[in-house]
Amino acid sequence: MIQNVLIGSQAVQPLAMMKPAAADSSAVQQSGQSFGSYLENALNQVAAQEQQAKEMSNKFVLGEVNIDEAMISSQQALLSLQLTTQVRNKVIEAYQEIMRTQI
């Protein structure tokens, strides 16, 4: 059984040690920017894999690569696209669930 136990000075912090709200909002903005850049990088990698699969299929037609290399590249691009689609679907479902909650 896995237990989440937080031991040490982070378990309980006195009020005097808490950061002001302005510092928290700047940390949120920085994490939002880093999430946006992370998402952009992930989408760029998927696009690059699709481009590589296209190039490999063109090289296969020209006889420069074997069928196995072309198929592996194509399947990698397909899996990346399917993963991206599933992540998008989960994000949309989470957003819709949040919008359905009553306050």
PDB file of N, CA and C in Angstrom:
ATOM      1  N   MET A   1       0.840  -1.177   0.000  1.00  0.00           N
ATOM      2  CA  MET A   1       0.000   0.000   0.000  1.00  0.00           C
ATOM      3  C   MET A   1       0.887   1.243   0.000  1.00  0.00           C
ATOM      4  N   ILE A   2       0.581   2.162  -0.858  1.00  0.00           N
ATOM      5  CA  ILE A   2       1.367   3.383  -0.970  1.00  0.00           C
ATOM      6  C   ILE A   2       0.719   4.461  -0.115  1.00  0.00           C
ATOM      7  N   GLN A   3       1.522   5.106   0.690  1.00  0.00           N
ATOM      8  CA  GLN A   3       1.020   6.174   1.535  1.00  0.00           C
ATOM      9  C   GLN A   3       1.735   7.459   1.190  1.00  0.00           C
ATOM     10  N   ASN A   4       0.976   8.517   1.105  1.00  0.00           N
ATOM     11  CA  ASN A   4       1.558   9.832   0.870  1.00  0.00           C
ATOM     12  C   ASN A   4       1.727  10.515   2.220  1.00  0.00           C
ATOM     13  N   VAL A   5       2.953  10.606   2.668  1.00  0.00           N
ATOM     14  CA  VAL A   5       3.247  11.209   3.952  1.00  0.00           C
ATOM     15  C   VAL A   5       4.225  12.343   3.721  1.00  0.00           C
ATOM     16  N   LEU A   6       3.879  13.506   4.237  1.00  0.00           N
ATOM     17  CA  LEU A   6       4.748  14.664   4.112  1.00  0.00           C
ATOM     18  C   LEU A   6       5.336  14.957   5.479  1.00  0.00           C
ATOM     19  N   ILE A   7       6.626  14.752   5.605  1.00  0.00           N
ATOM     20  CA  ILE A   7       7.301  14.936   6.881  1.00  0.00           C
ATOM     21  C   ILE A   7       8.325  16.044   6.731  1.00  0.00           C
ATOM     22  N   GLY A   8       8.423  16.850   7.738  1.00  0.00           N
ATOM     23  CA  GLY A   8       9.433  17.894   7.723  1.00  0.00           C
ATOM     24  C   GLY A   8       8.812  19.264   7.856  1.00  0.00           C
ATOM     25  N   SER A   9       9.562  20.268   7.446  1.00  0.00           N
ATOM     26  CA  SER A   9       9.123  21.643   7.634  1.00  0.00           C
ATOM     27  C   SER A   9       8.018  22.031   6.669  1.00  0.00           C
ATOM     28  N   GLN A  10       7.814  21.243   5.589  1.00  0.00           N
ATOM     29  CA  GLN A  10       6.787  21.586   4.624  1.00  0.00           C
ATOM     30  C   GLN A  10       5.408  21.100   5.050  1.00  0.00           C
ATOM     31  N   ALA A  11       5.343  20.220   6.048  1.00  0.00           N
ATOM     32  CA  ALA A  11       4.065  19.663   6.470  1.00  0.00           C
ATOM     33  C   ALA A  11       3.161  20.756   7.023  1.00  0.00           C
ATOM     34  N   VAL A  12       3.668  21.557   7.930  1.00  0.00           N
ATOM     35  CA  VAL A  12       2.879  22.631   8.529  1.00  0.00           C
ATOM     36  C   VAL A  12       3.735  23.880   8.511  1.00  0.00           C
ATOM     37  N   GLN A  13       3.199  24.925   7.895  1.00  0.00           N
ATOM     38  CA  GLN A  13       3.940  26.184   7.851  1.00  0.00           C
ATOM     39  C   GLN A  13       3.176  27.233   8.646  1.00  0.00           C
ATOM     40  N   PRO A  14       3.876  27.992   9.466  1.00  0.00           N
ATOM     41  CA  PRO A  14       3.215  29.083  10.160  1.00  0.00           C
ATOM     42  C   PRO A  14       2.803  30.168   9.171  1.00  0.00           C
ATOM     43  N   LEU A  15       1.832  30.967   9.551  1.00  0.00           N
ATOM     44  CA  LEU A  15       1.316  32.010   8.675  1.00  0.00           C
ATOM     45  C   LEU A  15       2.387  33.016   8.280  1.00  0.00           C
ATOM     46  N   ALA A  16       3.347  33.281   9.143  1.00  0.00           N
ATOM     47  CA  ALA A  16       4.383  34.263   8.852  1.00  0.00           C
ATOM     48  C   ALA A  16       5.276  33.813   7.700  1.00  0.00           C
ATOM     49  N   MET A  17       5.382  32.515   7.454  1.00  0.00           N
ATOM     50  CA  MET A  17       6.267  32.022   6.416  1.00  0.00           C
ATOM     51  C   MET A  17       5.588  31.928   5.051  1.00  0.00           C
ATOM     52  N   MET A  18       4.294  32.156   4.994  1.00  0.00           N
ATOM     53  CA  MET A  18       3.590  32.062   3.725  1.00  0.00           C
ATOM     54  C   MET A  18       3.956  33.236   2.830  1.00  0.00           C
ATOM     55  N   LYS A  19       3.966  32.996   1.520  1.00  0.00           N
ATOM     56  CA  LYS A  19       4.317  34.028   0.551  1.00  0.00           C
ATOM     57  C   LYS A  19       3.129  34.959   0.343  1.00  0.00           C
ATOM     58  N   PRO A  20       3.380  36.212  -0.011  1.00  0.00           N
ATOM     59  CA  PRO A  20       2.278  37.112  -0.321  1.00  0.00           C
ATOM     60  C   PRO A  20       1.578  36.687  -1.609  1.00  0.00           C
ATOM     61  N   ALA A  21       0.353  37.152  -1.790  1.00  0.00           N
ATOM     62  CA  ALA A  21      -0.465  36.769  -2.949  1.00  0.00           C
ATOM     63  C   ALA A  21       0.157  37.230  -4.259  1.00  0.00           C
ATOM     64  N   ALA A  22       0.850  38.350  -4.268  1.00  0.00           N
ATOM     65  CA  ALA A  22       1.464  38.856  -5.498  1.00  0.00           C
ATOM     66  C   ALA A  22       2.534  37.893  -6.000  1.00  0.00           C
ATOM     67  N   ALA A  23       3.287  37.316  -5.109  1.00  0.00           N
ATOM     68  CA  ALA A  23       4.318  36.365  -5.512  1.00  0.00           C
ATOM     69  C   ALA A  23       3.681  35.101  -6.074  1.00  0.00           C
ATOM     70  N   ASP A  24       2.542  34.676  -5.504  1.00  0.00           N
ATOM     71  CA  ASP A  24       1.850  33.490  -6.002  1.00  0.00           C
ATOM     72  C   ASP A  24       1.307  33.720  -7.404  1.00  0.00           C
ATOM     73  N   SER A  25       0.775  34.911  -7.662  1.00  0.00           N
ATOM     74  CA  SER A  25       0.219  35.173  -8.990  1.00  0.00           C
ATOM     75  C   SER A  25       1.311  35.206 -10.051  1.00  0.00           C
ATOM     76  N   SER A  26       2.503  35.687  -9.703  1.00  0.00           N
ATOM     77  CA  SER A  26       3.592  35.676 -10.677  1.00  0.00           C
ATOM     78  C   SER A  26       4.061  34.251 -10.946  1.00  0.00           C
ATOM     79  N   ALA A  27       4.036  33.408  -9.917  1.00  0.00           N
ATOM     80  CA  ALA A  27       4.410  32.001 -10.109  1.00  0.00           C
ATOM     81  C   ALA A  27       3.391  31.303 -11.005  1.00  0.00           C
ATOM     82  N   VAL A  28       2.123  31.644 -10.852  1.00  0.00           N
ATOM     83  CA  VAL A  28       1.084  31.054 -11.698  1.00  0.00           C
ATOM     84  C   VAL A  28       1.267  31.501 -13.145  1.00  0.00           C
ATOM     85  N   GLN A  29       1.600  32.758 -13.361  1.00  0.00           N
ATOM     86  CA  GLN A  29       1.820  33.249 -14.717  1.00  0.00           C
ATOM     87  C   GLN A  29       3.017  32.552 -15.350  1.00  0.00           C
ATOM     88  N   GLN A  30       4.076  32.350 -14.591  1.00  0.00           N
ATOM     89  CA  GLN A  30       5.256  31.676 -15.132  1.00  0.00           C
ATOM     90  C   GLN A  30       4.938  30.231 -15.467  1.00  0.00           C
ATOM     91  N   SER A  31       4.174  29.553 -14.609  1.00  0.00           N
ATOM     92  CA  SER A  31       3.831  28.168 -14.895  1.00  0.00           C
ATOM     93  C   SER A  31       2.873  28.098 -16.074  1.00  0.00           C
ATOM     94  N   GLY A  32       2.006  29.086 -16.231  1.00  0.00           N
ATOM     95  CA  GLY A  32       1.122  29.123 -17.386  1.00  0.00           C
ATOM     96  C   GLY A  32       1.904  29.302 -18.674  1.00  0.00           C
ATOM     97  N   GLN A  33       2.906  30.134 -18.653  1.00  0.00           N
ATOM     98  CA  GLN A  33       3.739  30.325 -19.830  1.00  0.00           C
ATOM     99  C   GLN A  33       4.534  29.063 -20.128  1.00  0.00           C
ATOM    100  N   SER A  34       5.034  28.405 -19.102  1.00  0.00           N
ATOM    101  CA  SER A  34       5.806  27.199 -19.343  1.00  0.00           C
ATOM    102  C   SER A  34       4.897  26.075 -19.840  1.00  0.00           C
ATOM    103  N   PHE A  35       3.650  26.007 -19.372  1.00  0.00           N
ATOM    104  CA  PHE A  35       2.728  25.000 -19.879  1.00  0.00           C
ATOM    105  C   PHE A  35       2.409  25.269 -21.341  1.00  0.00           C
ATOM    106  N   GLY A  36       2.222  26.527 -21.682  1.00  0.00           N
ATOM    107  CA  GLY A  36       1.957  26.875 -23.073  1.00  0.00           C
ATOM    108  C   GLY A  36       3.116  26.518 -23.978  1.00  0.00           C
ATOM    109  N   SER A  37       4.325  26.793 -23.517  1.00  0.00           N
ATOM    110  CA  SER A  37       5.495  26.441 -24.331  1.00  0.00           C
ATOM    111  C   SER A  37       5.675  24.929 -24.395  1.00  0.00           C
ATOM    112  N   TYR A  38       5.357  24.221 -23.310  1.00  0.00           N
ATOM    113  CA  TYR A  38       5.432  22.759 -23.321  1.00  0.00           C
ATOM    114  C   TYR A  38       4.443  22.186 -24.329  1.00  0.00           C
ATOM    115  N   LEU A  39       3.240  22.715 -24.337  1.00  0.00           N
ATOM    116  CA  LEU A  39       2.217  22.248 -25.270  1.00  0.00           C
ATOM    117  C   LEU A  39       2.617  22.544 -26.710  1.00  0.00           C
ATOM    118  N   GLU A  40       3.163  23.723 -26.941  1.00  0.00           N
ATOM    119  CA  GLU A  40       3.626  24.078 -28.283  1.00  0.00           C
ATOM    120  C   GLU A  40       4.745  23.153 -28.746  1.00  0.00           C
ATOM    121  N   ASN A  41       5.688  22.849 -27.866  1.00  0.00           N
ATOM    122  CA  ASN A  41       6.788  21.947 -28.207  1.00  0.00           C
ATOM    123  C   ASN A  41       6.276  20.546 -28.525  1.00  0.00           C
ATOM    124  N   ALA A  42       5.302  20.078 -27.751  1.00  0.00           N
ATOM    125  CA  ALA A  42       4.749  18.744 -27.990  1.00  0.00           C
ATOM    126  C   ALA A  42       4.059  18.681 -29.351  1.00  0.00           C
ATOM    127  N   LEU A  43       3.302  19.711 -29.694  1.00  0.00           N
ATOM    128  CA  LEU A  43       2.624  19.730 -30.991  1.00  0.00           C
ATOM    129  C   LEU A  43       3.632  19.844 -32.140  1.00  0.00           C
ATOM    130  N   ASN A  44       4.684  20.589 -31.924  1.00  0.00           N
ATOM    131  CA  ASN A  44       5.742  20.678 -32.947  1.00  0.00           C
ATOM    132  C   ASN A  44       6.429  19.336 -33.157  1.00  0.00           C
ATOM    133  N   GLN A  45       6.622  18.579 -32.080  1.00  0.00           N
ATOM    134  CA  GLN A  45       7.233  17.258 -32.208  1.00  0.00           C
ATOM    135  C   GLN A  45       6.333  16.302 -32.984  1.00  0.00           C
ATOM    136  N   VAL A  46       5.022  16.382 -32.749  1.00  0.00           N
ATOM    137  CA  VAL A  46       4.085  15.539 -33.492  1.00  0.00           C
ATOM    138  C   VAL A  46       4.125  15.901 -34.978  1.00  0.00           C
ATOM    139  N   ALA A  47       4.146  17.186 -35.267  1.00  0.00           N
ATOM    140  CA  ALA A  47       4.212  17.618 -36.661  1.00  0.00           C
ATOM    141  C   ALA A  47       5.525  17.169 -37.313  1.00  0.00           C
ATOM    142  N   ALA A  48       6.614  17.219 -36.548  1.00  0.00           N
ATOM    143  CA  ALA A  48       7.906  16.781 -37.088  1.00  0.00           C
ATOM    144  C   ALA A  48       7.904  15.282 -37.366  1.00  0.00           C
ATOM    145  N   GLN A  49       7.268  14.512 -36.508  1.00  0.00           N
ATOM    146  CA  GLN A  49       7.181  13.070 -36.748  1.00  0.00           C
ATOM    147  C   GLN A  49       6.346  12.763 -37.987  1.00  0.00           C
ATOM    148  N   GLU A  50       5.282  13.517 -38.192  1.00  0.00           N
ATOM    149  CA  GLU A  50       4.475  13.322 -39.394  1.00  0.00           C
ATOM    150  C   GLU A  50       5.270  13.679 -40.649  1.00  0.00           C
ATOM    151  N   GLN A  51       6.040  14.743 -40.569  1.00  0.00           N
ATOM    152  CA  GLN A  51       6.882  15.141 -41.702  1.00  0.00           C
ATOM    153  C   GLN A  51       7.942  14.088 -41.986  1.00  0.00           C
ATOM    154  N   GLN A  52       8.529  13.536 -40.923  1.00  0.00           N
ATOM    155  CA  GLN A  52       9.541  12.502 -41.089  1.00  0.00           C
ATOM    156  C   GLN A  52       8.920  11.247 -41.718  1.00  0.00           C
ATOM    157  N   ALA A  53       7.707  10.899 -41.321  1.00  0.00           N
ATOM    158  CA  ALA A  53       7.035   9.736 -41.907  1.00  0.00           C
ATOM    159  C   ALA A  53       6.764   9.963 -43.386  1.00  0.00           C
ATOM    160  N   LYS A  54       6.397  11.181 -43.734  1.00  0.00           N
ATOM    161  CA  LYS A  54       6.164  11.499 -45.147  1.00  0.00           C
ATOM    162  C   LYS A  54       7.464  11.385 -45.947  1.00  0.00           C
ATOM    163  N   GLU A  55       8.550  11.905 -45.379  1.00  0.00           N
ATOM    164  CA  GLU A  55       9.846  11.816 -46.058  1.00  0.00           C
ATOM    165  C   GLU A  55      10.292  10.362 -46.211  1.00  0.00           C
ATOM    166  N   MET A  56      10.073   9.558 -45.177  1.00  0.00           N
ATOM    167  CA  MET A  56      10.457   8.144 -45.248  1.00  0.00           C
ATOM    168  C   MET A  56       9.642   7.403 -46.302  1.00  0.00           C
ATOM    169  N   SER A  57       8.365   7.717 -46.425  1.00  0.00           N
ATOM    170  CA  SER A  57       7.558   7.046 -47.454  1.00  0.00           C
ATOM    171  C   SER A  57       8.011   7.473 -48.854  1.00  0.00           C
ATOM    172  N   ASN A  58       8.400   8.742 -49.002  1.00  0.00           N
ATOM    173  CA  ASN A  58       8.932   9.194 -50.292  1.00  0.00           C
ATOM    174  C   ASN A  58      10.256   8.495 -50.612  1.00  0.00           C
ATOM    175  N   LYS A  59      11.108   8.324 -49.593  1.00  0.00           N
ATOM    176  CA  LYS A  59      12.376   7.629 -49.800  1.00  0.00           C
ATOM    177  C   LYS A  59      12.141   6.156 -50.121  1.00  0.00           C
ATOM    178  N   PHE A  60      11.086   5.578 -49.524  1.00  0.00           N
ATOM    179  CA  PHE A  60      10.772   4.178 -49.826  1.00  0.00           C
ATOM    180  C   PHE A  60      10.367   4.021 -51.287  1.00  0.00           C
ATOM    181  N   VAL A  61       9.581   4.981 -51.786  1.00  0.00           N
ATOM    182  CA  VAL A  61       9.161   4.930 -53.184  1.00  0.00           C
ATOM    183  C   VAL A  61      10.377   5.025 -54.104  1.00  0.00           C
ATOM    184  N   LEU A  62      11.355   5.819 -53.704  1.00  0.00           N
ATOM    185  CA  LEU A  62      12.571   5.964 -54.502  1.00  0.00           C
ATOM    186  C   LEU A  62      13.542   4.806 -54.293  1.00  0.00           C
ATOM    187  N   GLY A  63      13.279   3.940 -53.315  1.00  0.00           N
ATOM    188  CA  GLY A  63      14.140   2.796 -53.063  1.00  0.00           C
ATOM    189  C   GLY A  63      15.318   3.092 -52.170  1.00  0.00           C
ATOM    190  N   GLU A  64      15.291   4.197 -51.441  1.00  0.00           N
ATOM    191  CA  GLU A  64      16.412   4.582 -50.587  1.00  0.00           C
ATOM    192  C   GLU A  64      16.353   3.949 -49.200  1.00  0.00           C
ATOM    193  N   VAL A  65      15.157   3.552 -48.735  1.00  0.00           N
ATOM    194  CA  VAL A  65      15.021   2.924 -47.415  1.00  0.00           C
ATOM    195  C   VAL A  65      14.210   1.641 -47.549  1.00  0.00           C
ATOM    196  N   ASN A  66      14.318   0.791 -46.545  1.00  0.00           N
ATOM    197  CA  ASN A  66      13.563  -0.459 -46.514  1.00  0.00           C
ATOM    198  C   ASN A  66      12.131  -0.204 -46.060  1.00  0.00           C
ATOM    199  N   ILE A  67      11.267  -1.162 -46.313  1.00  0.00           N
ATOM    200  CA  ILE A  67       9.865  -1.038 -45.915  1.00  0.00           C
ATOM    201  C   ILE A  67       9.718  -0.971 -44.406  1.00  0.00           C
ATOM    202  N   ASP A  68      10.551  -1.707 -43.685  1.00  0.00           N
ATOM    203  CA  ASP A  68      10.422  -1.710 -42.231  1.00  0.00           C
ATOM    204  C   ASP A  68      10.723  -0.340 -41.629  1.00  0.00           C
ATOM    205  N   GLU A  69      11.706   0.358 -42.152  1.00  0.00           N
ATOM    206  CA  GLU A  69      12.017   1.696 -41.652  1.00  0.00           C
ATOM    207  C   GLU A  69      10.872   2.668 -41.944  1.00  0.00           C
ATOM    208  N   ALA A  70      10.307   2.552 -43.132  1.00  0.00           N
ATOM    209  CA  ALA A  70       9.193   3.434 -43.497  1.00  0.00           C
ATOM    210  C   ALA A  70       7.968   3.147 -42.643  1.00  0.00           C
ATOM    211  N   MET A  71       7.693   1.873 -42.394  1.00  0.00           N
ATOM    212  CA  MET A  71       6.519   1.510 -41.596  1.00  0.00           C
ATOM    213  C   MET A  71       6.691   1.900 -40.132  1.00  0.00           C
ATOM    214  N   ILE A  72       7.888   1.743 -39.598  1.00  0.00           N
ATOM    215  CA  ILE A  72       8.138   2.148 -38.208  1.00  0.00           C
ATOM    216  C   ILE A  72       7.935   3.645 -38.059  1.00  0.00           C
ATOM    217  N   SER A  73       8.458   4.408 -38.977  1.00  0.00           N
ATOM    218  CA  SER A  73       8.293   5.865 -38.928  1.00  0.00           C
ATOM    219  C   SER A  73       6.820   6.253 -39.041  1.00  0.00           C
ATOM    220  N   SER A  74       6.108   5.582 -39.935  1.00  0.00           N
ATOM    221  CA  SER A  74       4.687   5.863 -40.116  1.00  0.00           C
ATOM    222  C   SER A  74       3.882   5.519 -38.867  1.00  0.00           C
ATOM    223  N   GLN A  75       4.181   4.392 -38.247  1.00  0.00           N
ATOM    224  CA  GLN A  75       3.460   3.985 -37.039  1.00  0.00           C
ATOM    225  C   GLN A  75       3.767   4.903 -35.859  1.00  0.00           C
ATOM    226  N   GLN A  76       5.006   5.363 -35.759  1.00  0.00           N
ATOM    227  CA  GLN A  76       5.343   6.312 -34.698  1.00  0.00           C
ATOM    228  C   GLN A  76       4.545   7.596 -34.846  1.00  0.00           C
ATOM    229  N   ALA A  77       4.453   8.084 -36.076  1.00  0.00           N
ATOM    230  CA  ALA A  77       3.687   9.305 -36.322  1.00  0.00           C
ATOM    231  C   ALA A  77       2.209   9.080 -36.021  1.00  0.00           C
ATOM    232  N   LEU A  78       1.693   7.912 -36.398  1.00  0.00           N
ATOM    233  CA  LEU A  78       0.290   7.603 -36.134  1.00  0.00           C
ATOM    234  C   LEU A  78       0.011   7.533 -34.640  1.00  0.00           C
ATOM    235  N   LEU A  79       0.881   6.883 -33.890  1.00  0.00           N
ATOM    236  CA  LEU A  79       0.693   6.792 -32.441  1.00  0.00           C
ATOM    237  C   LEU A  79       0.778   8.165 -31.775  1.00  0.00           C
ATOM    238  N   SER A  80       1.687   8.985 -32.235  1.00  0.00           N
ATOM    239  CA  SER A  80       1.799  10.341 -31.677  1.00  0.00           C
ATOM    240  C   SER A  80       0.536  11.138 -31.938  1.00  0.00           C
ATOM    241  N   LEU A  81       0.000  11.012 -33.136  1.00  0.00           N
ATOM    242  CA  LEU A  81      -1.227  11.732 -33.470  1.00  0.00           C
ATOM    243  C   LEU A  81      -2.405  11.208 -32.654  1.00  0.00           C
ATOM    244  N   GLN A  82      -2.491   9.895 -32.478  1.00  0.00           N
ATOM    245  CA  GLN A  82      -3.574   9.323 -31.679  1.00  0.00           C
ATOM    246  C   GLN A  82      -3.472   9.761 -30.221  1.00  0.00           C
ATOM    247  N   LEU A  83      -2.252   9.797 -29.677  1.00  0.00           N
ATOM    248  CA  LEU A  83      -2.062  10.252 -28.310  1.00  0.00           C
ATOM    249  C   LEU A  83      -2.471  11.714 -28.170  1.00  0.00           C
ATOM    250  N   THR A  84      -2.082  12.532 -29.116  1.00  0.00           N
ATOM    251  CA  THR A  84      -2.447  13.950 -29.086  1.00  0.00           C
ATOM    252  C   THR A  84      -3.959  14.117 -29.132  1.00  0.00           C
ATOM    253  N   THR A  85      -4.614  13.331 -29.959  1.00  0.00           N
ATOM    254  CA  THR A  85      -6.072  13.397 -30.060  1.00  0.00           C
ATOM    255  C   THR A  85      -6.729  12.983 -28.752  1.00  0.00           C
ATOM    256  N   GLN A  86      -6.233  11.932 -28.120  1.00  0.00           N
ATOM    257  CA  GLN A  86      -6.808  11.479 -26.856  1.00  0.00           C
ATOM    258  C   GLN A  86      -6.590  12.502 -25.737  1.00  0.00           C
ATOM    259  N   VAL A  87      -5.418  13.115 -25.704  1.00  0.00           N
ATOM    260  CA  VAL A  87      -5.166  14.145 -24.700  1.00  0.00           C
ATOM    261  C   VAL A  87      -6.108  15.324 -24.911  1.00  0.00           C
ATOM    262  N   ARG A  88      -6.299  15.715 -26.170  1.00  0.00           N
ATOM    263  CA  ARG A  88      -7.231  16.799 -26.471  1.00  0.00           C
ATOM    264  C   ARG A  88      -8.642  16.445 -26.020  1.00  0.00           C
ATOM    265  N   ASN A  89      -9.067  15.211 -26.279  1.00  0.00           N
ATOM    266  CA  ASN A  89     -10.402  14.788 -25.868  1.00  0.00           C
ATOM    267  C   ASN A  89     -10.567  14.825 -24.356  1.00  0.00           C
ATOM    268  N   LYS A  90      -9.541  14.403 -23.624  1.00  0.00           N
ATOM    269  CA  LYS A  90      -9.608  14.421 -22.158  1.00  0.00           C
ATOM    270  C   LYS A  90      -9.649  15.851 -21.626  1.00  0.00           C
ATOM    271  N   VAL A  91      -8.906  16.751 -22.253  1.00  0.00           N
ATOM    272  CA  VAL A  91      -8.931  18.150 -21.831  1.00  0.00           C
ATOM    273  C   VAL A  91     -10.308  18.746 -22.067  1.00  0.00           C
ATOM    274  N   ILE A  92     -10.911  18.432 -23.200  1.00  0.00           N
ATOM    275  CA  ILE A  92     -12.257  18.938 -23.495  1.00  0.00           C
ATOM    276  C   ILE A  92     -13.268  18.366 -22.511  1.00  0.00           C
ATOM    277  N   GLU A  93     -13.160  17.079 -22.187  1.00  0.00           N
ATOM    278  CA  GLU A  93     -14.060  16.470 -21.212  1.00  0.00           C
ATOM    279  C   GLU A  93     -13.905  17.120 -19.843  1.00  0.00           C
ATOM    280  N   ALA A  94     -12.673  17.379 -19.434  1.00  0.00           N
ATOM    281  CA  ALA A  94     -12.431  18.021 -18.138  1.00  0.00           C
ATOM    282  C   ALA A  94     -13.015  19.429 -18.119  1.00  0.00           C
ATOM    283  N   TYR A  95     -12.842  20.165 -19.198  1.00  0.00           N
ATOM    284  CA  TYR A  95     -13.396  21.518 -19.287  1.00  0.00           C
ATOM    285  C   TYR A  95     -14.919  21.470 -19.202  1.00  0.00           C
ATOM    286  N   GLN A  96     -15.532  20.545 -19.918  1.00  0.00           N
ATOM    287  CA  GLN A  96     -16.992  20.427 -19.887  1.00  0.00           C
ATOM    288  C   GLN A  96     -17.478  20.033 -18.501  1.00  0.00           C
ATOM    289  N   GLU A  97     -16.749  19.184 -17.821  1.00  0.00           N
ATOM    290  CA  GLU A  97     -17.120  18.775 -16.463  1.00  0.00           C
ATOM    291  C   GLU A  97     -17.022  19.966 -15.510  1.00  0.00           C
ATOM    292  N   ILE A  98     -15.998  20.765 -15.657  1.00  0.00           N
ATOM    293  CA  ILE A  98     -15.862  21.958 -14.815  1.00  0.00           C
ATOM    294  C   ILE A  98     -16.998  22.926 -15.077  1.00  0.00           C
ATOM    295  N   MET A  99     -17.380  23.081 -16.328  1.00  0.00           N
ATOM    296  CA  MET A  99     -18.462  24.002 -16.665  1.00  0.00           C
ATOM    297  C   MET A  99     -19.813  23.500 -16.156  1.00  0.00           C
ATOM    298  N   ARG A 100     -19.957  22.196 -15.968  1.00  0.00           N
ATOM    299  CA  ARG A 100     -21.220  21.639 -15.455  1.00  0.00           C
ATOM    300  C   ARG A 100     -21.350  21.753 -13.943  1.00  0.00           C
ATOM    301  N   THR A 101     -20.242  21.946 -13.258  1.00  0.00           N
ATOM    302  CA  THR A 101     -20.313  22.002 -11.787  1.00  0.00           C
ATOM    303  C   THR A 101     -21.034  23.255 -11.353  1.00  0.00           C
ATOM    304  N   GLN A 102     -21.818  23.091 -10.312  1.00  0.00           N
ATOM    305  CA  GLN A 102     -22.580  24.221  -9.787  1.00  0.00           C
ATOM    306  C   GLN A 102     -21.842  24.825  -8.601  1.00  0.00           C
ATOM    307  N   ILE A 103     -21.889  26.130  -8.547  1.00  0.00           N
ATOM    308  CA  ILE A 103     -21.189  26.833  -7.458  1.00  0.00           C
ATOM    309  C   ILE A 103     -22.182  27.248  -6.414  1.00  0.00           C
TER     310      ILE A 103
END
